[in-house]
Amino acid sequence: MTTREEAKTSARKVLALLEERAAEYPGYGAHSHAHAQLLRMLVELGSPCLPPASGREWVDIGLMAVKELESADPDLANALMDADYDFKHAD
């Protein structure tokens, strides 16, 4: 299991990476999609009642990272996959 704080840290790390990439690739759809999901993840992680793991399956940034970013930006792809995993396994 991952703690909520660990999951929040993973999400914030990716948001920081996305900020760096935004200047270079403004409006890139994969980045926008990840940004929106990460913000929602942080809201849910901050809620007193975290949905059960089955209620967190809407997160697809790990899959998107593999399909869209793994070859072009492996650091961002790995960070997205970590954030996806940590959110889905947070207690």
PDB file of N, CA and C in Angstrom:
ATOM      1  N   MET A   1       0.836  -1.186   0.000  1.00  0.00           N
ATOM      2  CA  MET A   1       0.000   0.000   0.000  1.00  0.00           C
ATOM      3  C   MET A   1       0.879   1.248   0.000  1.00  0.00           C
ATOM      4  N   THR A   2       0.302   2.288  -0.494  1.00  0.00           N
ATOM      5  CA  THR A   2       0.947   3.590  -0.544  1.00  0.00           C
ATOM      6  C   THR A   2       0.181   4.517   0.384  1.00  0.00           C
ATOM      7  N   THR A   3       0.888   5.359   1.102  1.00  0.00           N
ATOM      8  CA  THR A   3       0.178   6.324   1.943  1.00  0.00           C
ATOM      9  C   THR A   3      -0.366   7.452   1.072  1.00  0.00           C
ATOM     10  N   ARG A   4      -1.329   8.156   1.599  1.00  0.00           N
ATOM     11  CA  ARG A   4      -1.871   9.305   0.870  1.00  0.00           C
ATOM     12  C   ARG A   4      -0.789  10.344   0.616  1.00  0.00           C
ATOM     13  N   GLU A   5       0.074  10.549   1.590  1.00  0.00           N
ATOM     14  CA  GLU A   5       1.139  11.548   1.428  1.00  0.00           C
ATOM     15  C   GLU A   5       2.097  11.154   0.308  1.00  0.00           C
ATOM     16  N   GLU A   6       2.416   9.877   0.225  1.00  0.00           N
ATOM     17  CA  GLU A   6       3.275   9.401  -0.866  1.00  0.00           C
ATOM     18  C   GLU A   6       2.592   9.618  -2.217  1.00  0.00           C
ATOM     19  N   ALA A   7       1.299   9.337  -2.270  1.00  0.00           N
ATOM     20  CA  ALA A   7       0.557   9.526  -3.516  1.00  0.00           C
ATOM     21  C   ALA A   7       0.490  11.007  -3.891  1.00  0.00           C
ATOM     22  N   LYS A   8       0.286  11.863  -2.899  1.00  0.00           N
ATOM     23  CA  LYS A   8       0.277  13.308  -3.163  1.00  0.00           C
ATOM     24  C   LYS A   8       1.636  13.773  -3.674  1.00  0.00           C
ATOM     25  N   THR A   9       2.695  13.270  -3.079  1.00  0.00           N
ATOM     26  CA  THR A   9       4.052  13.635  -3.512  1.00  0.00           C
ATOM     27  C   THR A   9       4.285  13.212  -4.955  1.00  0.00           C
ATOM     28  N   SER A  10       3.843  12.013  -5.312  1.00  0.00           N
ATOM     29  CA  SER A  10       3.990  11.547  -6.692  1.00  0.00           C
ATOM     30  C   SER A  10       3.240  12.458  -7.658  1.00  0.00           C
ATOM     31  N   ALA A  11       2.020  12.818  -7.305  1.00  0.00           N
ATOM     32  CA  ALA A  11       1.212  13.680  -8.170  1.00  0.00           C
ATOM     33  C   ALA A  11       1.853  15.062  -8.309  1.00  0.00           C
ATOM     34  N   ARG A  12       2.320  15.608  -7.202  1.00  0.00           N
ATOM     35  CA  ARG A  12       2.956  16.937  -7.258  1.00  0.00           C
ATOM     36  C   ARG A  12       4.248  16.921  -8.085  1.00  0.00           C
ATOM     37  N   LYS A  13       4.979  15.829  -8.007  1.00  0.00           N
ATOM     38  CA  LYS A  13       6.207  15.693  -8.806  1.00  0.00           C
ATOM     39  C   LYS A  13       5.879  15.766 -10.284  1.00  0.00           C
ATOM     40  N   VAL A  14       4.817  15.068 -10.701  1.00  0.00           N
ATOM     41  CA  VAL A  14       4.439  15.084 -12.110  1.00  0.00           C
ATOM     42  C   VAL A  14       3.934  16.466 -12.511  1.00  0.00           C
ATOM     43  N   LEU A  15       3.174  17.110 -11.641  1.00  0.00           N
ATOM     44  CA  LEU A  15       2.707  18.458 -11.966  1.00  0.00           C
ATOM     45  C   LEU A  15       3.885  19.403 -12.195  1.00  0.00           C
ATOM     46  N   ALA A  16       4.942  19.250 -11.403  1.00  0.00           N
ATOM     47  CA  ALA A  16       6.138  20.083 -11.594  1.00  0.00           C
ATOM     48  C   ALA A  16       6.798  19.785 -12.940  1.00  0.00           C
ATOM     49  N   LEU A  17       6.873  18.508 -13.295  1.00  0.00           N
ATOM     50  CA  LEU A  17       7.439  18.146 -14.604  1.00  0.00           C
ATOM     51  C   LEU A  17       6.588  18.703 -15.744  1.00  0.00           C
ATOM     52  N   LEU A  18       5.274  18.651 -15.580  1.00  0.00           N
ATOM     53  CA  LEU A  18       4.383  19.177 -16.614  1.00  0.00           C
ATOM     54  C   LEU A  18       4.546  20.686 -16.776  1.00  0.00           C
ATOM     55  N   GLU A  19       4.784  21.374 -15.674  1.00  0.00           N
ATOM     56  CA  GLU A  19       5.020  22.830 -15.745  1.00  0.00           C
ATOM     57  C   GLU A  19       6.245  23.117 -16.610  1.00  0.00           C
ATOM     58  N   GLU A  20       7.289  22.318 -16.423  1.00  0.00           N
ATOM     59  CA  GLU A  20       8.501  22.490 -17.227  1.00  0.00           C
ATOM     60  C   GLU A  20       8.222  22.226 -18.702  1.00  0.00           C
ATOM     61  N   ARG A  21       7.409  21.183 -18.976  1.00  0.00           N
ATOM     62  CA  ARG A  21       7.147  20.809 -20.359  1.00  0.00           C
ATOM     63  C   ARG A  21       6.181  21.783 -21.046  1.00  0.00           C
ATOM     64  N   ALA A  22       5.342  22.466 -20.272  1.00  0.00           N
ATOM     65  CA  ALA A  22       4.315  23.339 -20.840  1.00  0.00           C
ATOM     66  C   ALA A  22       4.908  24.455 -21.691  1.00  0.00           C
ATOM     67  N   ALA A  23       6.033  24.984 -21.273  1.00  0.00           N
ATOM     68  CA  ALA A  23       6.666  26.059 -22.046  1.00  0.00           C
ATOM     69  C   ALA A  23       7.158  25.541 -23.394  1.00  0.00           C
ATOM     70  N   GLU A  24       7.637  24.314 -23.397  1.00  0.00           N
ATOM     71  CA  GLU A  24       8.178  23.737 -24.620  1.00  0.00           C
ATOM     72  C   GLU A  24       7.090  23.192 -25.547  1.00  0.00           C
ATOM     73  N   TYR A  25       6.018  22.658 -24.950  1.00  0.00           N
ATOM     74  CA  TYR A  25       4.939  22.040 -25.730  1.00  0.00           C
ATOM     75  C   TYR A  25       3.584  22.584 -25.271  1.00  0.00           C
ATOM     76  N   PRO A  26       3.315  23.860 -25.497  1.00  0.00           N
ATOM     77  CA  PRO A  26       2.045  24.424 -25.013  1.00  0.00           C
ATOM     78  C   PRO A  26       0.832  23.764 -25.673  1.00  0.00           C
ATOM     79  N   GLY A  27      -0.149  23.439 -24.844  1.00  0.00           N
ATOM     80  CA  GLY A  27      -1.386  22.878 -25.361  1.00  0.00           C
ATOM     81  C   GLY A  27      -1.329  21.427 -25.806  1.00  0.00           C
ATOM     82  N   TYR A  28      -0.239  20.723 -25.515  1.00  0.00           N
ATOM     83  CA  TYR A  28      -0.128  19.309 -25.908  1.00  0.00           C
ATOM     84  C   TYR A  28      -1.193  18.503 -25.167  1.00  0.00           C
ATOM     85  N   GLY A  29      -2.020  17.780 -25.904  1.00  0.00           N
ATOM     86  CA  GLY A  29      -3.165  17.078 -25.341  1.00  0.00           C
ATOM     87  C   GLY A  29      -2.835  16.099 -24.231  1.00  0.00           C
ATOM     88  N   ALA A  30      -1.772  15.335 -24.385  1.00  0.00           N
ATOM     89  CA  ALA A  30      -1.396  14.363 -23.347  1.00  0.00           C
ATOM     90  C   ALA A  30      -1.038  15.076 -22.049  1.00  0.00           C
ATOM     91  N   HIS A  31      -0.371  16.207 -22.158  1.00  0.00           N
ATOM     92  CA  HIS A  31      -0.017  16.970 -20.967  1.00  0.00           C
ATOM     93  C   HIS A  31      -1.263  17.546 -20.306  1.00  0.00           C
ATOM     94  N   SER A  32      -2.177  18.084 -21.111  1.00  0.00           N
ATOM     95  CA  SER A  32      -3.416  18.656 -20.575  1.00  0.00           C
ATOM     96  C   SER A  32      -4.252  17.586 -19.876  1.00  0.00           C
ATOM     97  N   HIS A  33      -4.345  16.428 -20.490  1.00  0.00           N
ATOM     98  CA  HIS A  33      -5.101  15.310 -19.921  1.00  0.00           C
ATOM     99  C   HIS A  33      -4.493  14.892 -18.572  1.00  0.00           C
ATOM    100  N   ALA A  34      -3.190  14.744 -18.541  1.00  0.00           N
ATOM    101  CA  ALA A  34      -2.514  14.351 -17.303  1.00  0.00           C
ATOM    102  C   ALA A  34      -2.701  15.416 -16.231  1.00  0.00           C
ATOM    103  N   HIS A  35      -2.585  16.671 -16.601  1.00  0.00           N
ATOM    104  CA  HIS A  35      -2.727  17.768 -15.641  1.00  0.00           C
ATOM    105  C   HIS A  35      -4.110  17.725 -14.983  1.00  0.00           C
ATOM    106  N   ALA A  36      -5.150  17.554 -15.784  1.00  0.00           N
ATOM    107  CA  ALA A  36      -6.512  17.506 -15.246  1.00  0.00           C
ATOM    108  C   ALA A  36      -6.692  16.328 -14.296  1.00  0.00           C
ATOM    109  N   GLN A  37      -6.184  15.169 -14.674  1.00  0.00           N
ATOM    110  CA  GLN A  37      -6.323  14.001 -13.807  1.00  0.00           C
ATOM    111  C   GLN A  37      -5.536  14.173 -12.511  1.00  0.00           C
ATOM    112  N   LEU A  38      -4.343  14.727 -12.596  1.00  0.00           N
ATOM    113  CA  LEU A  38      -3.520  14.915 -11.399  1.00  0.00           C
ATOM    114  C   LEU A  38      -4.190  15.869 -10.415  1.00  0.00           C
ATOM    115  N   LEU A  39      -4.796  16.926 -10.916  1.00  0.00           N
ATOM    116  CA  LEU A  39      -5.499  17.851 -10.024  1.00  0.00           C
ATOM    117  C   LEU A  39      -6.668  17.155  -9.335  1.00  0.00           C
ATOM    118  N   ARG A  40      -7.416  16.358 -10.086  1.00  0.00           N
ATOM    119  CA  ARG A  40      -8.530  15.617  -9.477  1.00  0.00           C
ATOM    120  C   ARG A  40      -8.011  14.591  -8.466  1.00  0.00           C
ATOM    121  N   MET A  41      -6.903  13.953  -8.779  1.00  0.00           N
ATOM    122  CA  MET A  41      -6.312  12.995  -7.848  1.00  0.00           C
ATOM    123  C   MET A  41      -5.959  13.678  -6.530  1.00  0.00           C
ATOM    124  N   LEU A  42      -5.365  14.871  -6.594  1.00  0.00           N
ATOM    125  CA  LEU A  42      -4.997  15.590  -5.377  1.00  0.00           C
ATOM    126  C   LEU A  42      -6.227  15.965  -4.557  1.00  0.00           C
ATOM    127  N   VAL A  43      -7.321  16.331  -5.237  1.00  0.00           N
ATOM    128  CA  VAL A  43      -8.565  16.636  -4.519  1.00  0.00           C
ATOM    129  C   VAL A  43      -9.057  15.391  -3.783  1.00  0.00           C
ATOM    130  N   GLU A  44      -9.095  14.279  -4.481  1.00  0.00           N
ATOM    131  CA  GLU A  44      -9.576  13.047  -3.850  1.00  0.00           C
ATOM    132  C   GLU A  44      -8.659  12.594  -2.722  1.00  0.00           C
ATOM    133  N   LEU A  45      -7.352  12.755  -2.901  1.00  0.00           N
ATOM    134  CA  LEU A  45      -6.409  12.357  -1.843  1.00  0.00           C
ATOM    135  C   LEU A  45      -6.534  13.254  -0.614  1.00  0.00           C
ATOM    136  N   GLY A  46      -7.005  14.472  -0.798  1.00  0.00           N
ATOM    137  CA  GLY A  46      -7.194  15.393   0.317  1.00  0.00           C
ATOM    138  C   GLY A  46      -8.535  15.242   1.008  1.00  0.00           C
ATOM    139  N   SER A  47      -9.408  14.456   0.417  1.00  0.00           N
ATOM    140  CA  SER A  47     -10.737  14.240   0.989  1.00  0.00           C
ATOM    141  C   SER A  47     -10.654  13.289   2.178  1.00  0.00           C
ATOM    142  N   PRO A  48     -11.486  13.508   3.191  1.00  0.00           N
ATOM    143  CA  PRO A  48     -11.462  12.580   4.329  1.00  0.00           C
ATOM    144  C   PRO A  48     -11.868  11.157   3.945  1.00  0.00           C
ATOM    145  N   CYS A  49     -12.685  11.021   2.926  1.00  0.00           N
ATOM    146  CA  CYS A  49     -13.151   9.700   2.495  1.00  0.00           C
ATOM    147  C   CYS A  49     -12.639   9.414   1.087  1.00  0.00           C
ATOM    148  N   LEU A  50     -11.541   8.738   1.001  1.00  0.00           N
ATOM    149  CA  LEU A  50     -10.969   8.350  -0.287  1.00  0.00           C
ATOM    150  C   LEU A  50     -11.813   7.226  -0.875  1.00  0.00           C
ATOM    151  N   PRO A  51     -12.220   7.356  -2.146  1.00  0.00           N
ATOM    152  CA  PRO A  51     -13.006   6.270  -2.747  1.00  0.00           C
ATOM    153  C   PRO A  51     -12.222   4.950  -2.703  1.00  0.00           C
ATOM    154  N   PRO A  52     -12.936   3.835  -2.677  1.00  0.00           N
ATOM    155  CA  PRO A  52     -12.235   2.547  -2.719  1.00  0.00           C
ATOM    156  C   PRO A  52     -11.460   2.427  -4.029  1.00  0.00           C
ATOM    157  N   ALA A  53     -10.521   1.507  -4.068  1.00  0.00           N
ATOM    158  CA  ALA A  53      -9.677   1.335  -5.253  1.00  0.00           C
ATOM    159  C   ALA A  53     -10.515   1.169  -6.518  1.00  0.00           C
ATOM    160  N   SER A  54     -11.622   0.479  -6.429  1.00  0.00           N
ATOM    161  CA  SER A  54     -12.475   0.285  -7.604  1.00  0.00           C
ATOM    162  C   SER A  54     -13.070   1.603  -8.096  1.00  0.00           C
ATOM    163  N   GLY A  55     -13.177   2.577  -7.223  1.00  0.00           N
ATOM    164  CA  GLY A  55     -13.697   3.889  -7.589  1.00  0.00           C
ATOM    165  C   GLY A  55     -12.629   4.838  -8.112  1.00  0.00           C
ATOM    166  N   ARG A  56     -11.416   4.336  -8.228  1.00  0.00           N
ATOM    167  CA  ARG A  56     -10.312   5.172  -8.729  1.00  0.00           C
ATOM    168  C   ARG A  56      -9.816   4.708 -10.087  1.00  0.00           C
ATOM    169  N   GLU A  57     -10.552   3.821 -10.705  1.00  0.00           N
ATOM    170  CA  GLU A  57     -10.147   3.274 -12.000  1.00  0.00           C
ATOM    171  C   GLU A  57     -10.280   4.279 -13.143  1.00  0.00           C
ATOM    172  N   TRP A  58     -10.871   5.421 -12.885  1.00  0.00           N
ATOM    173  CA  TRP A  58     -10.985   6.459 -13.917  1.00  0.00           C
ATOM    174  C   TRP A  58      -9.614   7.015 -14.306  1.00  0.00           C
ATOM    175  N   VAL A  59      -8.632   6.836 -13.449  1.00  0.00           N
ATOM    176  CA  VAL A  59      -7.284   7.335 -13.745  1.00  0.00           C
ATOM    177  C   VAL A  59      -6.653   6.462 -14.826  1.00  0.00           C
ATOM    178  N   ASP A  60      -6.230   7.098 -15.900  1.00  0.00           N
ATOM    179  CA  ASP A  60      -5.609   6.356 -16.997  1.00  0.00           C
ATOM    180  C   ASP A  60      -4.287   6.976 -17.448  1.00  0.00           C
ATOM    181  N   ILE A  61      -3.685   7.790 -16.584  1.00  0.00           N
ATOM    182  CA  ILE A  61      -2.446   8.464 -16.994  1.00  0.00           C
ATOM    183  C   ILE A  61      -1.280   7.501 -17.146  1.00  0.00           C
ATOM    184  N   GLY A  62      -1.307   6.378 -16.444  1.00  0.00           N
ATOM    185  CA  GLY A  62      -0.239   5.386 -16.607  1.00  0.00           C
ATOM    186  C   GLY A  62      -0.280   4.764 -17.989  1.00  0.00           C
ATOM    187  N   LEU A  63      -1.465   4.362 -18.409  1.00  0.00           N
ATOM    188  CA  LEU A  63      -1.636   3.788 -19.740  1.00  0.00           C
ATOM    189  C   LEU A  63      -1.315   4.823 -20.818  1.00  0.00           C
ATOM    190  N   MET A  64      -1.815   6.046 -20.636  1.00  0.00           N
ATOM    191  CA  MET A  64      -1.542   7.114 -21.587  1.00  0.00           C
ATOM    192  C   MET A  64      -0.043   7.392 -21.676  1.00  0.00           C
ATOM    193  N   ALA A  65       0.641   7.327 -20.554  1.00  0.00           N
ATOM    194  CA  ALA A  65       2.086   7.574 -20.541  1.00  0.00           C
ATOM    195  C   ALA A  65       2.825   6.558 -21.398  1.00  0.00           C
ATOM    196  N   VAL A  66       2.431   5.303 -21.280  1.00  0.00           N
ATOM    197  CA  VAL A  66       3.080   4.250 -22.063  1.00  0.00           C
ATOM    198  C   VAL A  66       2.820   4.460 -23.549  1.00  0.00           C
ATOM    199  N   LYS A  67       1.582   4.760 -23.893  1.00  0.00           N
ATOM    200  CA  LYS A  67       1.207   4.891 -25.307  1.00  0.00           C
ATOM    201  C   LYS A  67       1.757   6.161 -25.947  1.00  0.00           C
ATOM    202  N   GLU A  68       1.732   7.270 -25.202  1.00  0.00           N
ATOM    203  CA  GLU A  68       2.033   8.572 -25.799  1.00  0.00           C
ATOM    204  C   GLU A  68       3.429   9.115 -25.515  1.00  0.00           C
ATOM    205  N   LEU A  69       4.001   8.754 -24.376  1.00  0.00           N
ATOM    206  CA  LEU A  69       5.191   9.475 -23.923  1.00  0.00           C
ATOM    207  C   LEU A  69       6.430   8.634 -23.671  1.00  0.00           C
ATOM    208  N   GLU A  70       6.277   7.330 -23.525  1.00  0.00           N
ATOM    209  CA  GLU A  70       7.392   6.501 -23.070  1.00  0.00           C
ATOM    210  C   GLU A  70       8.647   6.653 -23.928  1.00  0.00           C
ATOM    211  N   SER A  71       8.499   6.690 -25.227  1.00  0.00           N
ATOM    212  CA  SER A  71       9.694   6.782 -26.076  1.00  0.00           C
ATOM    213  C   SER A  71      10.220   8.210 -26.181  1.00  0.00           C
ATOM    214  N   ALA A  72       9.339   9.195 -26.152  1.00  0.00           N
ATOM    215  CA  ALA A  72       9.752  10.590 -26.336  1.00  0.00           C
ATOM    216  C   ALA A  72      10.200  11.261 -25.042  1.00  0.00           C
ATOM    217  N   ASP A  73       9.585  10.887 -23.916  1.00  0.00           N
ATOM    218  CA  ASP A  73       9.880  11.544 -22.643  1.00  0.00           C
ATOM    219  C   ASP A  73       9.790  10.512 -21.517  1.00  0.00           C
ATOM    220  N   PRO A  74      10.792   9.628 -21.425  1.00  0.00           N
ATOM    221  CA  PRO A  74      10.707   8.540 -20.448  1.00  0.00           C
ATOM    222  C   PRO A  74      10.628   9.008 -18.995  1.00  0.00           C
ATOM    223  N   ASP A  75      11.259  10.128 -18.652  1.00  0.00           N
ATOM    224  CA  ASP A  75      11.182  10.611 -17.266  1.00  0.00           C
ATOM    225  C   ASP A  75       9.749  10.977 -16.890  1.00  0.00           C
ATOM    226  N   LEU A  76       9.087  11.704 -17.777  1.00  0.00           N
ATOM    227  CA  LEU A  76       7.695  12.075 -17.515  1.00  0.00           C
ATOM    228  C   LEU A  76       6.807  10.832 -17.529  1.00  0.00           C
ATOM    229  N   ALA A  77       7.029   9.938 -18.470  1.00  0.00           N
ATOM    230  CA  ALA A  77       6.229   8.712 -18.537  1.00  0.00           C
ATOM    231  C   ALA A  77       6.359   7.902 -17.249  1.00  0.00           C
ATOM    232  N   ASN A  78       7.560   7.742 -16.754  1.00  0.00           N
ATOM    233  CA  ASN A  78       7.767   6.990 -15.507  1.00  0.00           C
ATOM    234  C   ASN A  78       7.097   7.673 -14.323  1.00  0.00           C
ATOM    235  N   ALA A  79       7.206   8.986 -14.262  1.00  0.00           N
ATOM    236  CA  ALA A  79       6.573   9.724 -13.165  1.00  0.00           C
ATOM    237  C   ALA A  79       5.053   9.584 -13.227  1.00  0.00           C
ATOM    238  N   LEU A  80       4.483   9.627 -14.433  1.00  0.00           N
ATOM    239  CA  LEU A  80       3.039   9.442 -14.586  1.00  0.00           C
ATOM    240  C   LEU A  80       2.613   8.042 -14.165  1.00  0.00           C
ATOM    241  N   MET A  81       3.376   7.046 -14.556  1.00  0.00           N
ATOM    242  CA  MET A  81       3.048   5.673 -14.168  1.00  0.00           C
ATOM    243  C   MET A  81       3.129   5.507 -12.652  1.00  0.00           C
ATOM    244  N   ASP A  82       4.129   6.119 -12.030  1.00  0.00           N
ATOM    245  CA  ASP A  82       4.242   6.054 -10.564  1.00  0.00           C
ATOM    246  C   ASP A  82       3.046   6.732  -9.888  1.00  0.00           C
ATOM    247  N   ALA A  83       2.667   7.907 -10.381  1.00  0.00           N
ATOM    248  CA  ALA A  83       1.535   8.631  -9.786  1.00  0.00           C
ATOM    249  C   ALA A  83       0.242   7.833  -9.946  1.00  0.00           C
ATOM    250  N   ASP A  84       0.047   7.238 -11.096  1.00  0.00           N
ATOM    251  CA  ASP A  84      -1.130   6.413 -11.353  1.00  0.00           C
ATOM    252  C   ASP A  84      -1.169   5.263 -10.348  1.00  0.00           C
ATOM    253  N   TYR A  85      -0.076   4.535 -10.231  1.00  0.00           N
ATOM    254  CA  TYR A  85       0.001   3.393  -9.316  1.00  0.00           C
ATOM    255  C   TYR A  85      -0.224   3.832  -7.865  1.00  0.00           C
ATOM    256  N   ASP A  86       0.475   4.895  -7.459  1.00  0.00           N
ATOM    257  CA  ASP A  86       0.368   5.347  -6.070  1.00  0.00           C
ATOM    258  C   ASP A  86      -1.063   5.761  -5.716  1.00  0.00           C
ATOM    259  N   PHE A  87      -1.736   6.450  -6.639  1.00  0.00           N
ATOM    260  CA  PHE A  87      -3.117   6.873  -6.376  1.00  0.00           C
ATOM    261  C   PHE A  87      -4.032   5.658  -6.236  1.00  0.00           C
ATOM    262  N   LYS A  88      -3.881   4.714  -7.126  1.00  0.00           N
ATOM    263  CA  LYS A  88      -4.763   3.539  -7.113  1.00  0.00           C
ATOM    264  C   LYS A  88      -4.505   2.625  -5.915  1.00  0.00           C
ATOM    265  N   HIS A  89      -3.320   2.754  -5.288  1.00  0.00           N
ATOM    266  CA  HIS A  89      -2.975   1.900  -4.148  1.00  0.00           C
ATOM    267  C   HIS A  89      -2.857   2.663  -2.837  1.00  0.00           C
ATOM    268  N   ALA A  90      -3.315   3.898  -2.829  1.00  0.00           N
ATOM    269  CA  ALA A  90      -3.255   4.694  -1.583  1.00  0.00           C
ATOM    270  C   ALA A  90      -4.293   4.181  -0.588  1.00  0.00           C
ATOM    271  N   ASP A  91      -3.923   4.266   0.681  1.00  0.00           N
ATOM    272  CA  ASP A  91      -4.876   3.830   1.709  1.00  0.00           C
ATOM    273  C   ASP A  91      -5.542   4.997   2.373  1.00  0.00           C
TER     274      ASP A  91
END
